[in-house]
Amino acid sequence: MSMLEIVAVAVSFIGIWLTAKRRMLCWPVNLLACALYFKIFLDVRLYADMLLQSLFGVAILYGWLRWARGRDDAGEVVAMPLPPTRAAANLAAGAIGAIAIGWFMHRFTDAALPWMDAALSSFSLVAQYWTARRHAASWLLWIAVDIVYVGMFAFKDLRLTAGLYAAMILLAAIGYRRWAKATERS
């Protein structure tokens, strides 16, 4: 456990909490968390997750713009339903991405856990895209991904990060409940 990991955990927790509450401040806080975790994942050779942090940076900018345009008259961010056909297509893209990234990481890098890291990274991108699009279902995918992340980070001796992801499962459950209620009101 390093000081960098401690700071990254604190910033990430605040960012996810702000996201669950649908607060615009979540975007710059989450961007900082991405930068911190990019360095951490580089240090422990989780290259797909390192790349994921870069892609999250781009997705965060996209989400920030989408949320800025997706507010109601009171300024509240509006949650949107996820059509089943879009969900299926996005999950299929996540699976294809997992296979492609996993193959590349396995073949061309010394990645510690190339296939698991790739699958988690790919499906995290799908969840981040759904979050940016304001879909309550994003939280369900985050729960599934975070459960596996807890095990991977514990295995890589990133115990504080594993603890963060365990807490993020609870935050995701809260986020889902809040966003599902907001979707019903839309």
Protein backbone atom coordinates (compact mmCIF):
# COMPACT_ATOMS: atom_id res chain seq x y z
CA MET A 1 0.00 0.00 0.00
CA SER A 2 1.53 3.27 -1.12
CA MET A 3 0.60 6.87 -0.43
CA LEU A 4 -0.41 7.10 -4.11
CA GLU A 5 -2.85 4.23 -3.66
CA ILE A 6 -4.30 5.81 -0.52
CA VAL A 7 -4.92 9.10 -2.35
CA ALA A 8 -6.30 7.29 -5.41
CA VAL A 9 -8.75 5.34 -3.26
CA ALA A 10 -10.00 8.48 -1.51
CA VAL A 11 -10.43 10.42 -4.76
CA SER A 12 -12.13 7.45 -6.47
CA PHE A 13 -14.56 6.93 -3.61
CA ILE A 14 -15.56 10.60 -3.69
CA GLY A 15 -15.96 10.47 -7.48
CA ILE A 16 -18.20 7.39 -7.42
CA TRP A 17 -20.27 8.82 -4.55
CA LEU A 18 -20.79 12.04 -6.55
CA THR A 19 -21.73 9.98 -9.62
CA ALA A 20 -24.31 7.98 -7.63
CA LYS A 21 -25.81 11.30 -6.51
CA ARG A 22 -25.81 12.53 -10.16
CA ARG A 23 -23.60 15.54 -9.36
CA MET A 24 -21.66 17.22 -12.18
CA LEU A 25 -18.60 17.53 -9.93
CA CYS A 26 -18.16 13.76 -10.33
CA TRP A 27 -16.51 14.24 -13.72
CA PRO A 28 -13.39 16.25 -12.76
CA VAL A 29 -12.97 14.17 -9.59
CA ASN A 30 -13.19 10.94 -11.61
CA LEU A 31 -10.71 12.33 -14.14
CA LEU A 32 -8.18 12.86 -11.35
CA ALA A 33 -8.81 9.33 -10.08
CA CYS A 34 -8.07 7.98 -13.58
CA ALA A 35 -4.72 9.74 -13.68
CA LEU A 36 -3.76 8.37 -10.27
CA TYR A 37 -4.74 4.81 -11.14
CA PHE A 38 -2.95 5.00 -14.50
CA LYS A 39 0.31 5.30 -12.55
CA ILE A 40 -0.63 2.59 -10.04
CA PHE A 41 -1.54 0.08 -12.77
CA LEU A 42 1.65 0.86 -14.66
CA ASP A 43 3.62 0.02 -11.53
CA VAL A 44 1.92 -3.40 -11.04
CA ARG A 45 1.87 -4.31 -14.78
CA LEU A 46 -1.92 -4.33 -15.22
CA TYR A 47 -1.55 -2.81 -18.66
CA ALA A 48 -5.12 -3.27 -19.85
CA ASP A 49 -6.32 -1.44 -16.74
CA MET A 50 -3.69 1.24 -17.36
CA LEU A 51 -4.99 1.64 -20.91
CA LEU A 52 -8.51 1.60 -19.50
CA GLN A 53 -7.70 4.65 -17.38
CA SER A 54 -6.69 6.53 -20.54
CA LEU A 55 -9.90 5.51 -22.26
CA PHE A 56 -11.87 6.43 -19.14
CA GLY A 57 -10.33 9.89 -19.40
CA VAL A 58 -11.84 10.28 -22.86
CA ALA A 59 -15.14 8.73 -21.70
CA ILE A 60 -15.23 11.09 -18.74
CA LEU A 61 -14.96 14.10 -21.03
CA TYR A 62 -17.77 12.61 -23.15
CA GLY A 63 -19.92 11.95 -20.07
CA TRP A 64 -19.31 15.43 -18.73
CA LEU A 65 -20.66 16.90 -21.98
CA ARG A 66 -23.60 14.45 -22.12
CA TRP A 67 -24.62 15.22 -18.55
CA ALA A 68 -24.29 18.96 -19.08
CA ARG A 69 -26.84 18.65 -21.89
CA GLY A 70 -29.03 16.09 -20.09
CA ARG A 71 -30.45 18.11 -17.24
CA ASP A 72 -34.02 19.02 -16.50
CA ASP A 73 -35.35 22.52 -15.81
CA ALA A 74 -34.25 22.31 -12.17
CA GLY A 75 -30.70 21.41 -13.23
CA GLU A 76 -30.98 17.77 -12.13
CA VAL A 77 -29.26 15.19 -14.35
CA VAL A 78 -31.95 13.05 -16.00
CA ALA A 79 -31.52 9.25 -15.91
CA MET A 80 -32.55 7.42 -19.09
CA PRO A 81 -33.80 3.84 -19.70
CA LEU A 82 -31.55 1.42 -21.62
CA PRO A 83 -33.30 -0.32 -24.53
CA PRO A 84 -32.70 -4.12 -24.40
CA THR A 85 -31.39 -4.26 -27.98
CA ARG A 86 -28.81 -1.56 -27.22
CA ALA A 87 -27.82 -3.38 -24.02
CA ALA A 88 -27.30 -6.64 -25.93
CA ALA A 89 -25.28 -4.95 -28.67
CA ASN A 90 -23.10 -3.13 -26.15
CA LEU A 91 -22.47 -6.31 -24.14
CA ALA A 92 -21.54 -8.16 -27.34
CA ALA A 93 -19.09 -5.37 -28.16
CA GLY A 94 -17.68 -5.73 -24.63
CA ALA A 95 -17.13 -9.46 -25.19
CA ILE A 96 -15.42 -8.88 -28.53
CA GLY A 97 -13.26 -6.19 -26.96
CA ALA A 98 -12.32 -8.54 -24.11
CA ILE A 99 -11.16 -11.21 -26.55
CA ALA A 100 -9.21 -8.76 -28.71
CA ILE A 101 -7.53 -6.97 -25.80
CA GLY A 102 -6.84 -10.24 -23.99
CA TRP A 103 -5.21 -11.79 -27.05
CA PHE A 104 -3.04 -8.72 -27.59
CA MET A 105 -2.00 -8.48 -23.93
CA HIS A 106 -1.29 -12.22 -23.75
CA ARG A 107 0.72 -12.27 -26.96
CA PHE A 108 2.68 -9.02 -26.83
CA THR A 109 3.10 -7.97 -23.18
CA ASP A 110 4.21 -9.34 -19.85
CA ALA A 111 0.80 -8.51 -18.36
CA ALA A 112 0.19 -10.26 -15.06
CA LEU A 113 -3.41 -11.35 -15.77
CA PRO A 114 -4.01 -10.56 -19.44
CA TRP A 115 -7.37 -12.25 -20.01
CA MET A 116 -9.06 -11.22 -16.77
CA ASP A 117 -7.62 -7.72 -16.98
CA ALA A 118 -8.82 -7.41 -20.58
CA ALA A 119 -12.34 -8.64 -19.84
CA LEU A 120 -12.73 -6.33 -16.87
CA SER A 121 -11.36 -3.40 -18.85
CA SER A 122 -13.63 -4.02 -21.82
CA PHE A 123 -16.81 -4.39 -19.78
CA SER A 124 -15.82 -1.39 -17.66
CA LEU A 125 -15.79 0.66 -20.85
CA VAL A 126 -19.32 -0.52 -21.59
CA ALA A 127 -20.39 0.42 -18.06
CA GLN A 128 -18.70 3.82 -18.38
CA TYR A 129 -20.45 4.42 -21.71
CA TRP A 130 -23.79 3.56 -20.10
CA THR A 131 -22.98 5.90 -17.20
CA ALA A 132 -22.22 8.72 -19.63
CA ARG A 133 -25.52 8.01 -21.41
CA ARG A 134 -27.24 8.22 -18.00
CA HIS A 135 -28.56 4.62 -17.97
CA ALA A 136 -29.42 3.19 -14.54
CA ALA A 137 -28.38 -0.25 -15.85
CA SER A 138 -24.77 0.95 -15.81
CA TRP A 139 -24.76 0.36 -12.07
CA LEU A 140 -25.72 -3.31 -12.47
CA LEU A 141 -22.80 -3.86 -14.84
CA TRP A 142 -20.50 -1.97 -12.46
CA ILE A 143 -21.56 -4.32 -9.65
CA ALA A 144 -20.69 -7.41 -11.71
CA VAL A 145 -17.35 -5.99 -12.85
CA ASP A 146 -16.40 -4.70 -9.40
CA ILE A 147 -17.01 -8.08 -7.76
CA VAL A 148 -14.36 -9.62 -10.01
CA TYR A 149 -12.07 -6.61 -9.62
CA VAL A 150 -12.04 -7.13 -5.83
CA GLY A 151 -10.54 -10.58 -6.32
CA MET A 152 -8.02 -9.45 -8.93
CA PHE A 153 -6.77 -6.54 -6.85
CA ALA A 154 -6.50 -8.70 -3.73
CA PHE A 155 -4.48 -11.21 -5.77
CA LYS A 156 -2.16 -8.41 -6.96
CA ASP A 157 -1.75 -7.27 -3.33
CA LEU A 158 -3.54 -3.98 -3.95
CA ARG A 159 -5.57 -4.51 -0.81
CA LEU A 160 -6.68 -0.94 -0.34
CA THR A 161 -7.84 -0.82 -3.95
CA ALA A 162 -9.65 -4.15 -3.44
CA GLY A 163 -11.36 -2.55 -0.45
CA LEU A 164 -12.29 0.46 -2.57
CA TYR A 165 -13.88 -1.80 -5.19
CA ALA A 166 -15.79 -3.64 -2.46
CA ALA A 167 -17.11 -0.27 -1.28
CA MET A 168 -17.88 0.65 -4.89
CA ILE A 169 -20.17 -2.37 -5.08
CA LEU A 170 -22.22 -0.83 -2.28
CA LEU A 171 -22.10 2.61 -3.92
CA ALA A 172 -23.22 1.03 -7.20
CA ALA A 173 -26.20 -0.56 -5.45
CA ILE A 174 -27.12 2.84 -4.02
CA GLY A 175 -26.55 4.46 -7.42
CA TYR A 176 -28.76 1.90 -9.13
CA ARG A 177 -31.58 2.44 -6.65
CA ARG A 178 -31.40 6.23 -7.02
CA TRP A 179 -31.08 6.19 -10.80
CA ALA A 180 -33.85 3.59 -11.24
CA LYS A 181 -36.21 5.82 -9.24
CA ALA A 182 -35.16 8.81 -11.35
CA THR A 183 -35.75 6.80 -14.54
CA GLU A 184 -39.28 5.93 -13.38
CA ARG A 185 -40.01 9.66 -12.92
CA SER A 186 -38.74 10.51 -16.42
